């Protein structure tokens, strides 16, 4: 997906968000070079509870195809 975003769509920055307890997503995002930028506090209402999201992002200059 990053390859399509940067090479086909000519994007400058791609970001994604995950649950703070989703360590599998955190590991995947780090593995492709995404950097954790911070937490958006209580912005998603799920099952009657407000939940946080952790934001990760990568810039075109940081992307290495095949990573």
C-alpha atoms as a PDB file:
ATOM      1  CA  UNK A   1       0.000   0.000   0.000  1.00  0.00           C
ATOM      2  CA  UNK A   2       2.850   2.397   0.775  1.00  0.00           C
ATOM      3  CA  UNK A   3       4.384   1.672  -2.618  1.00  0.00           C
ATOM      4  CA  UNK A   4       1.112   2.553  -4.354  1.00  0.00           C
ATOM      5  CA  UNK A   5       0.694   5.676  -2.259  1.00  0.00           C
ATOM      6  CA  UNK A   6       4.167   7.032  -2.841  1.00  0.00           C
ATOM      7  CA  UNK A   7       4.974   5.761  -6.336  1.00  0.00           C
ATOM      8  CA  UNK A   8       1.592   5.683  -8.088  1.00  0.00           C
ATOM      9  CA  UNK A   9      -0.275   8.445  -6.269  1.00  0.00           C
ATOM     10  CA  UNK A  10       2.769  10.640  -5.580  1.00  0.00           C
ATOM     11  CA  UNK A  11       1.785  11.230  -1.948  1.00  0.00           C
ATOM     12  CA  UNK A  12       4.121  13.066   0.414  1.00  0.00           C
ATOM     13  CA  UNK A  13       2.884  11.556   3.709  1.00  0.00           C
ATOM     14  CA  UNK A  14       0.880   8.488   4.678  1.00  0.00           C
ATOM     15  CA  UNK A  15      -0.516   8.004   8.151  1.00  0.00           C
ATOM     16  CA  UNK A  16      -2.520   5.428  10.030  1.00  0.00           C
ATOM     17  CA  UNK A  17      -3.991   4.965  13.473  1.00  0.00           C
ATOM     18  CA  UNK A  18      -4.254   1.991  15.790  1.00  0.00           C
ATOM     19  CA  UNK A  19      -5.622   1.088  19.181  1.00  0.00           C
ATOM     20  CA  UNK A  20      -3.089   1.578  21.991  1.00  0.00           C
ATOM     21  CA  UNK A  21      -3.473  -2.105  22.902  1.00  0.00           C
ATOM     22  CA  UNK A  22      -2.914  -3.410  19.347  1.00  0.00           C
ATOM     23  CA  UNK A  23       0.761  -4.322  19.516  1.00  0.00           C
ATOM     24  CA  UNK A  24       0.585  -6.370  16.295  1.00  0.00           C
ATOM     25  CA  UNK A  25      -0.337  -3.219  14.354  1.00  0.00           C
ATOM     26  CA  UNK A  26       2.380  -1.238  16.127  1.00  0.00           C
ATOM     27  CA  UNK A  27       4.956  -3.855  15.125  1.00  0.00           C
ATOM     28  CA  UNK A  28       3.763  -3.872  11.506  1.00  0.00           C
ATOM     29  CA  UNK A  29       3.833  -0.087  11.220  1.00  0.00           C
ATOM     30  CA  UNK A  30       7.356   0.078  12.674  1.00  0.00           C
ATOM     31  CA  UNK A  31       8.509  -2.710  10.354  1.00  0.00           C
ATOM     32  CA  UNK A  32       7.579  -0.674   7.261  1.00  0.00           C
ATOM     33  CA  UNK A  33       9.265   2.449   8.611  1.00  0.00           C
ATOM     34  CA  UNK A  34       6.320   4.329  10.047  1.00  0.00           C
ATOM     35  CA  UNK A  35       7.053   6.514  13.068  1.00  0.00           C
ATOM     36  CA  UNK A  36       4.772   6.826  16.077  1.00  0.00           C
ATOM     37  CA  UNK A  37       3.709  10.472  16.254  1.00  0.00           C
ATOM     38  CA  UNK A  38       1.365  10.559  19.211  1.00  0.00           C
ATOM     39  CA  UNK A  39      -2.014   9.771  20.666  1.00  0.00           C
ATOM     40  CA  UNK A  40      -5.398  11.201  19.764  1.00  0.00           C
ATOM     41  CA  UNK A  41      -7.242  11.015  23.046  1.00  0.00           C
ATOM     42  CA  UNK A  42     -10.837   9.782  23.338  1.00  0.00           C
ATOM     43  CA  UNK A  43     -11.871  10.468  19.768  1.00  0.00           C
ATOM     44  CA  UNK A  44     -13.605   7.176  18.920  1.00  0.00           C
ATOM     45  CA  UNK A  45     -16.791   6.021  20.641  1.00  0.00           C
ATOM     46  CA  UNK A  46     -16.907   2.239  20.594  1.00  0.00           C
ATOM     47  CA  UNK A  47     -19.264   0.053  22.605  1.00  0.00           C
ATOM     48  CA  UNK A  48     -20.240   3.038  24.709  1.00  0.00           C
ATOM     49  CA  UNK A  49     -16.654   3.925  25.645  1.00  0.00           C
ATOM     50  CA  UNK A  50     -14.399   6.685  24.361  1.00  0.00           C
ATOM     51  CA  UNK A  51     -11.129   5.277  23.066  1.00  0.00           C
ATOM     52  CA  UNK A  52      -7.738   6.633  22.114  1.00  0.00           C
ATOM     53  CA  UNK A  53      -5.842   6.045  18.873  1.00  0.00           C
ATOM     54  CA  UNK A  54      -2.091   6.052  18.327  1.00  0.00           C
ATOM     55  CA  UNK A  55      -1.004   7.734  15.079  1.00  0.00           C
ATOM     56  CA  UNK A  56       1.927   6.541  12.941  1.00  0.00           C
ATOM     57  CA  UNK A  57       3.189   8.164   9.736  1.00  0.00           C
ATOM     58  CA  UNK A  58       5.877   7.971   7.080  1.00  0.00           C
ATOM     59  CA  UNK A  59       7.135  10.505   4.518  1.00  0.00           C
ATOM     60  CA  UNK A  60       7.991   9.726   0.907  1.00  0.00           C
ATOM     61  CA  UNK A  61      11.698  10.400   1.577  1.00  0.00           C
ATOM     62  CA  UNK A  62      11.665   7.771   4.375  1.00  0.00           C
ATOM     63  CA  UNK A  63      10.062   5.007   2.319  1.00  0.00           C
ATOM     64  CA  UNK A  64      12.150   2.128   1.017  1.00  0.00           C
ATOM     65  CA  UNK A  65      10.348  -0.190  -1.416  1.00  0.00           C
ATOM     66  CA  UNK A  66      10.398  -3.809  -0.289  1.00  0.00           C
ATOM     67  CA  UNK A  67      10.519  -2.972   3.396  1.00  0.00           C
END
